[in-house]
PDB file of N, CA and C in Angstrom:
ATOM      1  N   UNK A   1      60.460 -46.224 -59.056  1.00  0.00           N
ATOM      2  CA  UNK A   1      61.354 -45.151 -59.386  1.00  0.00           C
ATOM      3  C   UNK A   1      61.893 -45.346 -60.800  1.00  0.00           C
ATOM      4  N   UNK A   2      62.214 -46.560 -61.150  1.00  0.00           N
ATOM      5  CA  UNK A   2      62.768 -46.826 -62.476  1.00  0.00           C
ATOM      6  C   UNK A   2      61.768 -46.465 -63.556  1.00  0.00           C
ATOM      7  N   UNK A   3      60.494 -46.764 -63.337  1.00  0.00           N
ATOM      8  CA  UNK A   3      59.500 -46.446 -64.356  1.00  0.00           C
ATOM      9  C   UNK A   3      59.299 -44.946 -64.496  1.00  0.00           C
ATOM     10  N   UNK A   4      59.416 -44.182 -63.392  1.00  0.00           N
ATOM     11  CA  UNK A   4      59.298 -42.727 -63.477  1.00  0.00           C
ATOM     12  C   UNK A   4      60.422 -42.159 -64.338  1.00  0.00           C
ATOM     13  N   UNK A   5      61.636 -42.656 -64.151  1.00  0.00           N
ATOM     14  CA  UNK A   5      62.770 -42.199 -64.959  1.00  0.00           C
ATOM     15  C   UNK A   5      62.578 -42.609 -66.415  1.00  0.00           C
ATOM     16  N   UNK A   6      62.098 -43.822 -66.635  1.00  0.00           N
ATOM     17  CA  UNK A   6      61.863 -44.301 -68.006  1.00  0.00           C
ATOM     18  C   UNK A   6      60.807 -43.447 -68.706  1.00  0.00           C
ATOM     19  N   UNK A   7      59.741 -43.084 -68.006  1.00  0.00           N
ATOM     20  CA  UNK A   7      58.716 -42.217 -68.593  1.00  0.00           C
ATOM     21  C   UNK A   7      59.286 -40.850 -68.935  1.00  0.00           C
ATOM     22  N   UNK A   8      60.179 -40.343 -68.081  1.00  0.00           N
ATOM     23  CA  UNK A   8      60.823 -39.054 -68.349  1.00  0.00           C
ATOM     24  C   UNK A   8      61.689 -39.154 -69.598  1.00  0.00           C
ATOM     25  N   UNK A   9      62.496 -40.209 -69.701  1.00  0.00           N
ATOM     26  CA  UNK A   9      63.369 -40.395 -70.853  1.00  0.00           C
ATOM     27  C   UNK A   9      62.546 -40.541 -72.134  1.00  0.00           C
ATOM     28  N   UNK A  10      61.401 -41.216 -72.039  1.00  0.00           N
ATOM     29  CA  UNK A  10      60.534 -41.416 -73.203  1.00  0.00           C
ATOM     30  C   UNK A  10      59.757 -40.148 -73.572  1.00  0.00           C
ATOM     31  N   UNK A  11      59.796 -39.139 -72.694  1.00  0.00           N
ATOM     32  CA  UNK A  11      59.106 -37.892 -72.994  1.00  0.00           C
ATOM     33  C   UNK A  11      57.662 -37.852 -72.549  1.00  0.00           C
ATOM     34  N   UNK A  12      57.222 -38.853 -71.797  1.00  0.00           N
ATOM     35  CA  UNK A  12      55.831 -38.917 -71.336  1.00  0.00           C
ATOM     36  C   UNK A  12      55.633 -38.109 -70.059  1.00  0.00           C
ATOM     37  N   UNK A  13      56.670 -38.000 -69.250  1.00  0.00           N
ATOM     38  CA  UNK A  13      56.602 -37.341 -67.942  1.00  0.00           C
ATOM     39  C   UNK A  13      57.515 -36.120 -67.947  1.00  0.00           C
ATOM     40  N   UNK A  14      57.015 -34.994 -67.397  1.00  0.00           N
ATOM     41  CA  UNK A  14      57.857 -33.805 -67.348  1.00  0.00           C
ATOM     42  C   UNK A  14      58.888 -33.932 -66.219  1.00  0.00           C
ATOM     43  N   UNK A  15      59.925 -33.113 -66.305  1.00  0.00           N
ATOM     44  CA  UNK A  15      61.048 -33.198 -65.365  1.00  0.00           C
ATOM     45  C   UNK A  15      60.619 -32.973 -63.923  1.00  0.00           C
ATOM     46  N   UNK A  16      59.787 -31.981 -63.673  1.00  0.00           N
ATOM     47  CA  UNK A  16      59.376 -31.660 -62.302  1.00  0.00           C
ATOM     48  C   UNK A  16      58.637 -32.832 -61.652  1.00  0.00           C
ATOM     49  N   UNK A  17      57.775 -33.489 -62.411  1.00  0.00           N
ATOM     50  CA  UNK A  17      57.042 -34.641 -61.878  1.00  0.00           C
ATOM     51  C   UNK A  17      57.982 -35.795 -61.568  1.00  0.00           C
ATOM     52  N   UNK A  18      58.934 -36.042 -62.478  1.00  0.00           N
ATOM     53  CA  UNK A  18      59.888 -37.130 -62.270  1.00  0.00           C
ATOM     54  C   UNK A  18      60.744 -36.865 -61.037  1.00  0.00           C
ATOM     55  N   UNK A  19      61.231 -35.629 -60.880  1.00  0.00           N
ATOM     56  CA  UNK A  19      62.056 -35.276 -59.727  1.00  0.00           C
ATOM     57  C   UNK A  19      61.248 -35.426 -58.439  1.00  0.00           C
ATOM     58  N   UNK A  20      59.993 -35.024 -58.464  1.00  0.00           N
ATOM     59  CA  UNK A  20      59.126 -35.146 -57.292  1.00  0.00           C
ATOM     60  C   UNK A  20      58.934 -36.613 -56.891  1.00  0.00           C
ATOM     61  N   UNK A  21      58.721 -37.472 -57.859  1.00  0.00           N
ATOM     62  CA  UNK A  21      58.524 -38.906 -57.586  1.00  0.00           C
ATOM     63  C   UNK A  21      59.796 -39.513 -56.992  1.00  0.00           C
ATOM     64  N   UNK A  22      60.945 -39.232 -57.607  1.00  0.00           N
ATOM     65  CA  UNK A  22      62.214 -39.781 -57.132  1.00  0.00           C
ATOM     66  C   UNK A  22      62.534 -39.257 -55.731  1.00  0.00           C
ATOM     67  N   UNK A  23      62.321 -37.952 -55.497  1.00  0.00           N
ATOM     68  CA  UNK A  23      62.572 -37.377 -54.171  1.00  0.00           C
ATOM     69  C   UNK A  23      61.703 -38.024 -53.100  1.00  0.00           C
ATOM     70  N   UNK A  24      60.428 -38.247 -53.408  1.00  0.00           N
ATOM     71  CA  UNK A  24      59.535 -38.836 -52.405  1.00  0.00           C
ATOM     72  C   UNK A  24      59.942 -40.265 -52.064  1.00  0.00           C
ATOM     73  N   UNK A  25      60.490 -40.981 -53.031  1.00  0.00           N
ATOM     74  CA  UNK A  25      60.937 -42.350 -52.772  1.00  0.00           C
ATOM     75  C   UNK A  25      62.257 -42.391 -52.016  1.00  0.00           C
ATOM     76  N   UNK A  26      63.017 -41.310 -52.065  1.00  0.00           N
ATOM     77  CA  UNK A  26      64.325 -41.271 -51.406  1.00  0.00           C
ATOM     78  C   UNK A  26      64.261 -40.738 -49.978  1.00  0.00           C
ATOM     79  N   UNK A  27      63.106 -40.263 -49.547  1.00  0.00           N
ATOM     80  CA  UNK A  27      62.986 -39.778 -48.173  1.00  0.00           C
ATOM     81  C   UNK A  27      63.224 -40.927 -47.209  1.00  0.00           C
ATOM     82  N   UNK A  28      63.870 -40.619 -46.111  1.00  0.00           N
ATOM     83  CA  UNK A  28      64.138 -41.701 -45.176  1.00  0.00           C
ATOM     84  C   UNK A  28      62.916 -41.952 -44.299  1.00  0.00           C
ATOM     85  N   UNK A  29      62.691 -43.185 -44.035  1.00  0.00           N
ATOM     86  CA  UNK A  29      61.558 -43.589 -43.214  1.00  0.00           C
ATOM     87  C   UNK A  29      62.038 -43.867 -41.799  1.00  0.00           C
ATOM     88  N   UNK A  30      61.152 -43.794 -40.868  1.00  0.00           N
ATOM     89  CA  UNK A  30      61.521 -44.104 -39.487  1.00  0.00           C
ATOM     90  C   UNK A  30      60.904 -45.456 -39.118  1.00  0.00           C
ATOM     91  N   UNK A  31      61.716 -46.492 -39.210  1.00  0.00           N
ATOM     92  CA  UNK A  31      61.266 -47.834 -38.901  1.00  0.00           C
ATOM     93  C   UNK A  31      61.473 -48.137 -37.425  1.00  0.00           C
ATOM     94  N   UNK A  32      60.593 -48.963 -36.892  1.00  0.00           N
ATOM     95  CA  UNK A  32      60.703 -49.431 -35.507  1.00  0.00           C
ATOM     96  C   UNK A  32      60.551 -50.941 -35.507  1.00  0.00           C
ATOM     97  N   UNK A  33      61.114 -51.612 -34.513  1.00  0.00           N
ATOM     98  CA  UNK A  33      60.932 -53.068 -34.423  1.00  0.00           C
ATOM     99  C   UNK A  33      59.450 -53.416 -34.439  1.00  0.00           C
ATOM    100  N   UNK A  34      59.124 -54.412 -35.235  1.00  0.00           N
ATOM    101  CA  UNK A  34      57.737 -54.853 -35.369  1.00  0.00           C
ATOM    102  C   UNK A  34      57.049 -54.326 -36.618  1.00  0.00           C
ATOM    103  N   UNK A  35      57.630 -53.300 -37.276  1.00  0.00           N
ATOM    104  CA  UNK A  35      57.055 -52.772 -38.520  1.00  0.00           C
ATOM    105  C   UNK A  35      57.197 -53.797 -39.631  1.00  0.00           C
ATOM    106  N   UNK A  36      56.162 -53.912 -40.455  1.00  0.00           N
ATOM    107  CA  UNK A  36      56.220 -54.805 -41.604  1.00  0.00           C
ATOM    108  C   UNK A  36      56.908 -54.078 -42.749  1.00  0.00           C
ATOM    109  N   UNK A  37      57.800 -54.777 -43.467  1.00  0.00           N
ATOM    110  CA  UNK A  37      58.539 -54.198 -44.587  1.00  0.00           C
ATOM    111  C   UNK A  37      58.464 -55.127 -45.791  1.00  0.00           C
ATOM    112  N   UNK A  38      58.743 -54.545 -46.961  1.00  0.00           N
ATOM    113  CA  UNK A  38      58.694 -55.306 -48.197  1.00  0.00           C
ATOM    114  C   UNK A  38      59.731 -54.715 -49.149  1.00  0.00           C
ATOM    115  N   UNK A  39      60.368 -55.555 -49.961  1.00  0.00           N
ATOM    116  CA  UNK A  39      61.330 -55.058 -50.935  1.00  0.00           C
ATOM    117  C   UNK A  39      60.601 -54.236 -51.990  1.00  0.00           C
ATOM    118  N   UNK A  40      61.341 -53.400 -52.725  1.00  0.00           N
ATOM    119  CA  UNK A  40      60.722 -52.545 -53.729  1.00  0.00           C
ATOM    120  C   UNK A  40      59.959 -53.336 -54.779  1.00  0.00           C
ATOM    121  N   UNK A  41      60.466 -54.465 -55.171  1.00  0.00           N
ATOM    122  CA  UNK A  41      59.767 -55.287 -56.166  1.00  0.00           C
ATOM    123  C   UNK A  41      58.642 -56.120 -55.560  1.00  0.00           C
ATOM    124  N   UNK A  42      58.594 -56.168 -54.251  1.00  0.00           N
ATOM    125  CA  UNK A  42      57.528 -56.915 -53.584  1.00  0.00           C
ATOM    126  C   UNK A  42      57.761 -58.410 -53.521  1.00  0.00           C
ATOM    127  N   UNK A  43      58.978 -58.845 -53.864  1.00  0.00           N
ATOM    128  CA  UNK A  43      59.247 -60.277 -53.896  1.00  0.00           C
ATOM    129  C   UNK A  43      59.502 -60.876 -52.518  1.00  0.00           C
ATOM    130  N   UNK A  44      59.906 -60.036 -51.563  1.00  0.00           N
ATOM    131  CA  UNK A  44      60.209 -60.507 -50.222  1.00  0.00           C
ATOM    132  C   UNK A  44      59.626 -59.541 -49.204  1.00  0.00           C
ATOM    133  N   UNK A  45      59.084 -60.088 -48.137  1.00  0.00           N
ATOM    134  CA  UNK A  45      58.561 -59.228 -47.071  1.00  0.00           C
ATOM    135  C   UNK A  45      58.977 -59.803 -45.732  1.00  0.00           C
ATOM    136  N   UNK A  46      58.850 -58.997 -44.688  1.00  0.00           N
ATOM    137  CA  UNK A  46      59.242 -59.451 -43.365  1.00  0.00           C
ATOM    138  C   UNK A  46      58.905 -58.423 -42.314  1.00  0.00           C
ATOM    139  N   UNK A  47      59.545 -58.570 -41.156  1.00  0.00           N
ATOM    140  CA  UNK A  47      59.297 -57.697 -40.010  1.00  0.00           C
ATOM    141  C   UNK A  47      60.637 -57.150 -39.525  1.00  0.00           C
ATOM    142  N   UNK A  48      60.673 -55.869 -39.178  1.00  0.00           N
ATOM    143  CA  UNK A  48      61.880 -55.241 -38.661  1.00  0.00           C
ATOM    144  C   UNK A  48      62.195 -55.833 -37.293  1.00  0.00           C
ATOM    145  N   UNK A  49      63.431 -56.322 -37.133  1.00  0.00           N
ATOM    146  CA  UNK A  49      63.873 -56.879 -35.859  1.00  0.00           C
ATOM    147  C   UNK A  49      64.531 -55.785 -35.021  1.00  0.00           C
ATOM    148  N   UNK A  50      65.419 -54.984 -35.668  1.00  0.00           N
ATOM    149  CA  UNK A  50      66.044 -53.856 -34.973  1.00  0.00           C
ATOM    150  C   UNK A  50      66.575 -52.863 -35.997  1.00  0.00           C
ATOM    151  N   UNK A  51      66.762 -51.632 -35.562  1.00  0.00           N
ATOM    152  CA  UNK A  51      67.342 -50.582 -36.397  1.00  0.00           C
ATOM    153  C   UNK A  51      68.794 -50.413 -35.969  1.00  0.00           C
ATOM    154  N   UNK A  52      69.707 -50.523 -36.927  1.00  0.00           N
ATOM    155  CA  UNK A  52      71.128 -50.425 -36.643  1.00  0.00           C
ATOM    156  C   UNK A  52      71.551 -48.961 -36.502  1.00  0.00           C
ATOM    157  N   UNK A  53      72.685 -48.721 -35.889  1.00  0.00           N
ATOM    158  CA  UNK A  53      73.169 -47.356 -35.629  1.00  0.00           C
ATOM    159  C   UNK A  53      73.341 -46.524 -36.887  1.00  0.00           C
ATOM    160  N   UNK A  54      73.676 -47.164 -38.014  1.00  0.00           N
ATOM    161  CA  UNK A  54      73.911 -46.421 -39.252  1.00  0.00           C
ATOM    162  C   UNK A  54      72.642 -46.221 -40.077  1.00  0.00           C
ATOM    163  N   UNK A  55      71.485 -46.612 -39.542  1.00  0.00           N
ATOM    164  CA  UNK A  55      70.213 -46.392 -40.217  1.00  0.00           C
ATOM    165  C   UNK A  55      69.675 -47.598 -40.963  1.00  0.00           C
ATOM    166  N   UNK A  56      70.521 -48.606 -41.167  1.00  0.00           N
ATOM    167  CA  UNK A  56      70.029 -49.822 -41.827  1.00  0.00           C
ATOM    168  C   UNK A  56      69.109 -50.554 -40.875  1.00  0.00           C
ATOM    169  N   UNK A  57      68.319 -51.481 -41.421  1.00  0.00           N
ATOM    170  CA  UNK A  57      67.439 -52.274 -40.562  1.00  0.00           C
ATOM    171  C   UNK A  57      67.797 -53.742 -40.659  1.00  0.00           C
ATOM    172  N   UNK A  58      67.623 -54.439 -39.561  1.00  0.00           N
ATOM    173  CA  UNK A  58      67.744 -55.895 -39.549  1.00  0.00           C
ATOM    174  C   UNK A  58      66.319 -56.410 -39.566  1.00  0.00           C
ATOM    175  N   UNK A  59      66.013 -57.250 -40.532  1.00  0.00           N
ATOM    176  CA  UNK A  59      64.648 -57.746 -40.651  1.00  0.00           C
ATOM    177  C   UNK A  59      64.655 -59.231 -40.964  1.00  0.00           C
ATOM    178  N   UNK A  60      63.521 -59.845 -40.695  1.00  0.00           N
ATOM    179  CA  UNK A  60      63.420 -61.291 -40.893  1.00  0.00           C
ATOM    180  C   UNK A  60      62.125 -61.575 -41.621  1.00  0.00           C
TER     181      UNK A  60
END
């Protein structure tokens, strides 16, 4: 997402494309226990243990 915004600021990417990319990344996903997850930077990964009432996930 950060690179899409940076490309827009640099003038390489048009506004509609940047908004589309950011919107698609902001859509909420439906996680279930056992799903594999990874941080945005890819530095940490794990498995969903449970989904909390407020939509956050507990993962290990």
